[in-house]
Amino acid sequence: MKPTNILIAAENGISIRSREDINDAVGASLGRRLILSEHDLGPGFFNLQTGLAGELIQKFVNYRVRVAIVLPAPEAYGDRFSELAYEHATHPTVRFVRTIDEANDWLQT
């Protein structure tokens, strides 16, 4: 059973398709922690040229909301995206993980 302070995006109507969605996600997550899956993220997130991934990371860091982004195969989105995921594999606020169990374990600490 997951702690009540951890939100699973899909179960709470949270998805990131645009910059406005980031603000909504931050607002819904204040005082809690969030798990985003690959399916909760629009194509723009995976294209680093859009800036969507960078903005999401920065907003959650600024508001000190811990987020686990579950991506089983970040390398599927290209070398640059894979590098971003690798760099954030140990980040204290926004972390890329490969499984939901890994997300829950980290967010419960």
N, C-alpha and C. Protein backbone atom coordinates (compact mmCIF):
# COMPACT_ATOMS: atom_id res chain seq x y z
N MET A 1 0.84 -1.19 0.00
CA MET A 1 0.00 0.00 0.00
C MET A 1 0.88 1.25 0.00
N LYS A 2 0.54 2.20 -0.84
CA LYS A 2 1.35 3.40 -0.93
C LYS A 2 0.91 4.43 0.12
N PRO A 3 1.88 5.17 0.65
CA PRO A 3 1.52 6.22 1.60
C PRO A 3 0.63 7.27 0.95
N THR A 4 -0.20 7.93 1.72
CA THR A 4 -1.14 8.91 1.18
C THR A 4 -0.46 10.18 0.70
N ASN A 5 0.79 10.38 1.09
CA ASN A 5 1.46 11.60 0.64
C ASN A 5 2.13 11.43 -0.72
N ILE A 6 1.94 10.27 -1.36
CA ILE A 6 2.48 10.04 -2.70
C ILE A 6 1.33 9.98 -3.70
N LEU A 7 1.35 10.91 -4.65
CA LEU A 7 0.34 10.94 -5.70
C LEU A 7 0.85 10.18 -6.92
N ILE A 8 0.01 9.37 -7.49
CA ILE A 8 0.32 8.75 -8.78
C ILE A 8 -0.44 9.57 -9.81
N ALA A 9 0.29 10.17 -10.72
CA ALA A 9 -0.29 11.14 -11.66
C ALA A 9 -1.54 10.61 -12.35
N ALA A 10 -1.46 9.43 -12.93
CA ALA A 10 -2.59 8.89 -13.70
C ALA A 10 -3.84 8.72 -12.85
N GLU A 11 -3.68 8.42 -11.58
CA GLU A 11 -4.82 8.22 -10.68
C GLU A 11 -5.43 9.54 -10.23
N ASN A 12 -4.73 10.64 -10.49
CA ASN A 12 -5.19 11.95 -10.03
C ASN A 12 -5.40 12.95 -11.15
N GLY A 13 -5.50 12.45 -12.38
CA GLY A 13 -5.77 13.31 -13.53
C GLY A 13 -4.64 14.26 -13.88
N ILE A 14 -3.42 13.90 -13.51
CA ILE A 14 -2.27 14.75 -13.79
C ILE A 14 -1.54 14.21 -15.02
N SER A 15 -1.34 15.08 -16.00
CA SER A 15 -0.51 14.73 -17.14
C SER A 15 0.21 16.00 -17.59
N ILE A 16 1.36 15.82 -18.20
CA ILE A 16 2.17 16.95 -18.64
C ILE A 16 2.22 16.94 -20.16
N ARG A 17 1.46 17.83 -20.76
CA ARG A 17 1.43 17.97 -22.21
C ARG A 17 1.85 19.37 -22.65
N SER A 18 1.79 20.32 -21.69
CA SER A 18 2.12 21.71 -21.99
C SER A 18 2.70 22.37 -20.74
N ARG A 19 3.19 23.59 -20.89
CA ARG A 19 3.74 24.32 -19.76
C ARG A 19 2.69 24.58 -18.69
N GLU A 20 1.46 24.84 -19.09
CA GLU A 20 0.39 25.08 -18.12
C GLU A 20 0.15 23.84 -17.26
N ASP A 21 0.31 22.67 -17.84
CA ASP A 21 0.13 21.43 -17.09
C ASP A 21 1.15 21.30 -15.96
N ILE A 22 2.33 21.87 -16.15
CA ILE A 22 3.35 21.82 -15.11
C ILE A 22 2.87 22.56 -13.87
N ASN A 23 2.33 23.76 -14.07
CA ASN A 23 1.81 24.53 -12.93
C ASN A 23 0.70 23.78 -12.21
N ASP A 24 -0.20 23.17 -12.96
CA ASP A 24 -1.28 22.40 -12.36
C ASP A 24 -0.74 21.23 -11.55
N ALA A 25 0.28 20.55 -12.09
CA ALA A 25 0.87 19.40 -11.41
C ALA A 25 1.56 19.83 -10.12
N VAL A 26 2.28 20.93 -10.18
CA VAL A 26 2.94 21.44 -8.97
C VAL A 26 1.89 21.77 -7.92
N GLY A 27 0.84 22.48 -8.31
CA GLY A 27 -0.21 22.84 -7.37
C GLY A 27 -0.86 21.63 -6.72
N ALA A 28 -1.13 20.61 -7.51
CA ALA A 28 -1.76 19.40 -6.99
C ALA A 28 -0.83 18.62 -6.07
N SER A 29 0.48 18.84 -6.23
CA SER A 29 1.47 18.04 -5.51
C SER A 29 2.05 18.73 -4.27
N LEU A 30 1.72 19.99 -4.05
CA LEU A 30 2.30 20.70 -2.91
C LEU A 30 2.02 19.94 -1.61
N GLY A 31 3.07 19.76 -0.84
CA GLY A 31 2.95 19.03 0.42
C GLY A 31 2.95 17.52 0.25
N ARG A 32 3.11 17.06 -0.98
CA ARG A 32 3.13 15.63 -1.27
C ARG A 32 4.28 15.31 -2.19
N ARG A 33 4.28 14.08 -2.67
CA ARG A 33 5.27 13.63 -3.65
C ARG A 33 4.53 13.06 -4.83
N LEU A 34 5.17 13.04 -6.00
CA LEU A 34 4.47 12.69 -7.23
C LEU A 34 5.23 11.63 -8.02
N ILE A 35 4.47 10.69 -8.58
CA ILE A 35 5.02 9.72 -9.51
C ILE A 35 4.41 9.98 -10.87
N LEU A 36 5.28 10.26 -11.84
CA LEU A 36 4.87 10.43 -13.24
C LEU A 36 5.38 9.23 -14.02
N SER A 37 4.54 8.68 -14.86
CA SER A 37 4.99 7.58 -15.72
C SER A 37 5.20 8.11 -17.14
N GLU A 38 5.78 7.30 -17.95
CA GLU A 38 6.02 7.63 -19.35
C GLU A 38 4.72 8.05 -20.04
N HIS A 39 3.61 7.42 -19.67
CA HIS A 39 2.31 7.69 -20.29
C HIS A 39 1.71 9.02 -19.84
N ASP A 40 2.21 9.57 -18.75
CA ASP A 40 1.71 10.85 -18.24
C ASP A 40 2.39 12.04 -18.91
N LEU A 41 3.36 11.76 -19.76
CA LEU A 41 4.18 12.81 -20.37
C LEU A 41 3.95 12.86 -21.87
N GLY A 42 3.70 14.05 -22.38
CA GLY A 42 3.47 14.22 -23.81
C GLY A 42 4.77 14.17 -24.60
N PRO A 43 4.66 14.07 -25.91
CA PRO A 43 5.85 13.97 -26.77
C PRO A 43 6.82 15.13 -26.59
N GLY A 44 6.32 16.32 -26.31
CA GLY A 44 7.18 17.48 -26.13
C GLY A 44 8.15 17.33 -24.96
N PHE A 45 7.76 16.56 -23.97
CA PHE A 45 8.64 16.34 -22.82
C PHE A 45 9.94 15.64 -23.25
N PHE A 46 9.81 14.71 -24.16
CA PHE A 46 10.95 13.90 -24.58
C PHE A 46 11.82 14.59 -25.63
N ASN A 47 11.32 15.68 -26.21
CA ASN A 47 12.10 16.48 -27.17
C ASN A 47 12.69 17.64 -26.38
N LEU A 48 13.96 17.54 -26.04
CA LEU A 48 14.57 18.55 -25.17
C LEU A 48 14.57 19.95 -25.76
N GLN A 49 14.43 20.06 -27.07
CA GLN A 49 14.40 21.38 -27.70
C GLN A 49 13.16 22.18 -27.30
N THR A 50 12.11 21.53 -26.86
CA THR A 50 10.90 22.26 -26.45
C THR A 50 11.07 22.95 -25.11
N GLY A 51 12.00 22.48 -24.28
CA GLY A 51 12.21 23.06 -22.96
C GLY A 51 11.24 22.56 -21.91
N LEU A 52 10.32 21.70 -22.29
CA LEU A 52 9.29 21.23 -21.35
C LEU A 52 9.90 20.43 -20.21
N ALA A 53 10.82 19.53 -20.51
CA ALA A 53 11.45 18.73 -19.46
C ALA A 53 12.23 19.63 -18.50
N GLY A 54 12.98 20.57 -19.04
CA GLY A 54 13.75 21.48 -18.20
C GLY A 54 12.87 22.33 -17.31
N GLU A 55 11.77 22.80 -17.86
CA GLU A 55 10.86 23.62 -17.06
C GLU A 55 10.21 22.80 -15.96
N LEU A 56 9.82 21.57 -16.27
CA LEU A 56 9.22 20.69 -15.26
C LEU A 56 10.22 20.47 -14.12
N ILE A 57 11.43 20.13 -14.47
CA ILE A 57 12.44 19.88 -13.44
C ILE A 57 12.65 21.12 -12.59
N GLN A 58 12.82 22.27 -13.22
CA GLN A 58 13.08 23.51 -12.47
C GLN A 58 11.92 23.88 -11.55
N LYS A 59 10.69 23.75 -12.02
CA LYS A 59 9.52 24.12 -11.19
C LYS A 59 9.42 23.24 -9.95
N PHE A 60 9.59 21.93 -10.15
CA PHE A 60 9.49 21.03 -9.00
C PHE A 60 10.65 21.25 -8.02
N VAL A 61 11.82 21.57 -8.53
CA VAL A 61 12.95 21.90 -7.65
C VAL A 61 12.64 23.18 -6.88
N ASN A 62 12.16 24.21 -7.58
CA ASN A 62 11.85 25.49 -6.93
C ASN A 62 10.82 25.34 -5.81
N TYR A 63 9.82 24.49 -6.03
CA TYR A 63 8.76 24.30 -5.04
C TYR A 63 9.05 23.16 -4.07
N ARG A 64 10.20 22.54 -4.22
CA ARG A 64 10.66 21.46 -3.35
C ARG A 64 9.66 20.31 -3.26
N VAL A 65 9.12 19.95 -4.41
CA VAL A 65 8.22 18.80 -4.51
C VAL A 65 9.01 17.66 -5.14
N ARG A 66 9.13 16.55 -4.42
CA ARG A 66 9.87 15.41 -4.95
C ARG A 66 9.03 14.68 -5.99
N VAL A 67 9.68 14.40 -7.13
CA VAL A 67 9.00 13.73 -8.26
C VAL A 67 9.87 12.58 -8.74
N ALA A 68 9.22 11.43 -8.90
CA ALA A 68 9.87 10.28 -9.53
C ALA A 68 9.25 10.12 -10.92
N ILE A 69 10.09 10.10 -11.93
CA ILE A 69 9.63 9.91 -13.31
C ILE A 69 10.02 8.50 -13.72
N VAL A 70 9.01 7.66 -13.92
CA VAL A 70 9.25 6.25 -14.22
C VAL A 70 9.40 6.08 -15.73
N LEU A 71 10.62 5.76 -16.13
CA LEU A 71 10.94 5.53 -17.54
C LEU A 71 11.79 4.25 -17.63
N PRO A 72 11.20 3.15 -18.05
CA PRO A 72 11.96 1.90 -18.13
C PRO A 72 13.14 1.96 -19.10
N ALA A 73 13.03 2.74 -20.17
CA ALA A 73 14.09 2.79 -21.19
C ALA A 73 14.30 4.21 -21.70
N PRO A 74 14.93 5.08 -20.90
CA PRO A 74 15.13 6.47 -21.35
C PRO A 74 15.94 6.57 -22.63
N GLU A 75 16.79 5.59 -22.88
CA GLU A 75 17.61 5.62 -24.10
C GLU A 75 16.76 5.55 -25.37
N ALA A 76 15.53 5.11 -25.25
CA ALA A 76 14.62 5.05 -26.41
C ALA A 76 14.31 6.44 -26.95
N TYR A 77 14.57 7.48 -26.16
CA TYR A 77 14.26 8.85 -26.57
C TYR A 77 15.50 9.61 -27.04
N GLY A 78 16.58 8.91 -27.28
CA GLY A 78 17.78 9.53 -27.83
C GLY A 78 18.87 9.73 -26.81
N ASP A 79 20.05 10.00 -27.32
CA ASP A 79 21.23 10.14 -26.47
C ASP A 79 21.12 11.30 -25.49
N ARG A 80 20.68 12.45 -25.97
CA ARG A 80 20.60 13.63 -25.08
C ARG A 80 19.60 13.42 -23.96
N PHE A 81 18.44 12.84 -24.30
CA PHE A 81 17.45 12.59 -23.26
C PHE A 81 17.97 11.55 -22.27
N SER A 82 18.62 10.53 -22.80
CA SER A 82 19.19 9.49 -21.95
C SER A 82 20.21 10.09 -20.98
N GLU A 83 21.01 11.04 -21.45
CA GLU A 83 21.97 11.73 -20.59
C GLU A 83 21.26 12.49 -19.47
N LEU A 84 20.18 13.18 -19.82
CA LEU A 84 19.41 13.91 -18.82
C LEU A 84 18.90 12.95 -17.75
N ALA A 85 18.33 11.84 -18.18
CA ALA A 85 17.80 10.85 -17.23
C ALA A 85 18.92 10.30 -16.35
N TYR A 86 20.08 10.04 -16.95
CA TYR A 86 21.22 9.53 -16.19
C TYR A 86 21.66 10.54 -15.14
N GLU A 87 21.75 11.81 -15.55
CA GLU A 87 22.16 12.87 -14.62
C GLU A 87 21.19 13.03 -13.46
N HIS A 88 19.94 12.69 -13.68
CA HIS A 88 18.92 12.83 -12.64
C HIS A 88 18.57 11.50 -11.96
N ALA A 89 19.40 10.51 -12.15
CA ALA A 89 19.15 9.21 -11.52
C ALA A 89 19.41 9.25 -10.01
N THR A 90 20.11 10.28 -9.56
CA THR A 90 20.37 10.42 -8.12
C THR A 90 20.03 11.83 -7.63
N HIS A 91 19.27 12.57 -8.40
CA HIS A 91 18.90 13.94 -8.03
C HIS A 91 18.07 13.93 -6.76
N PRO A 92 18.24 14.91 -5.87
CA PRO A 92 17.48 14.90 -4.61
C PRO A 92 16.00 15.29 -4.74
N THR A 93 15.61 15.91 -5.86
CA THR A 93 14.23 16.37 -5.98
C THR A 93 13.49 15.72 -7.14
N VAL A 94 14.07 15.70 -8.32
CA VAL A 94 13.44 15.10 -9.50
C VAL A 94 14.33 13.96 -9.96
N ARG A 95 13.80 12.76 -9.86
CA ARG A 95 14.62 11.58 -10.15
C ARG A 95 13.97 10.71 -11.21
N PHE A 96 14.78 10.28 -12.17
CA PHE A 96 14.34 9.31 -13.17
C PHE A 96 14.64 7.91 -12.63
N VAL A 97 13.63 7.07 -12.64
CA VAL A 97 13.76 5.69 -12.16
C VAL A 97 13.20 4.76 -13.23
N ARG A 98 13.49 3.49 -13.12
CA ARG A 98 13.06 2.53 -14.14
C ARG A 98 11.78 1.78 -13.80
N THR A 99 11.40 1.74 -12.51
CA THR A 99 10.20 0.99 -12.12
C THR A 99 9.37 1.77 -11.10
N ILE A 100 8.11 1.40 -11.00
CA ILE A 100 7.22 2.01 -10.01
C ILE A 100 7.68 1.66 -8.60
N ASP A 101 8.20 0.46 -8.41
CA ASP A 101 8.71 0.06 -7.09
C ASP A 101 9.89 0.93 -6.68
N GLU A 102 10.77 1.20 -7.62
CA GLU A 102 11.91 2.07 -7.35
C GLU A 102 11.42 3.48 -6.99
N ALA A 103 10.40 3.95 -7.68
CA ALA A 103 9.82 5.27 -7.39
C ALA A 103 9.27 5.30 -5.98
N ASN A 104 8.47 4.32 -5.64
CA ASN A 104 7.88 4.27 -4.29
C ASN A 104 8.96 4.18 -3.21
N ASP A 105 9.96 3.33 -3.42
CA ASP A 105 11.03 3.19 -2.43
C ASP A 105 11.72 4.52 -2.19
N TRP A 106 12.07 5.23 -3.27
CA TRP A 106 12.76 6.50 -3.12
C TRP A 106 11.87 7.55 -2.46
N LEU A 107 10.64 7.65 -2.88
CA LEU A 107 9.74 8.68 -2.35
C LEU A 107 9.35 8.45 -0.91
N GLN A 108 9.47 7.23 -0.43
CA GLN A 108 9.15 6.94 0.96
C GLN A 108 10.29 7.26 1.92
N THR A 109 11.46 7.58 1.36
CA THR A 109 12.60 7.89 2.24
C THR A 109 12.60 9.33 2.67
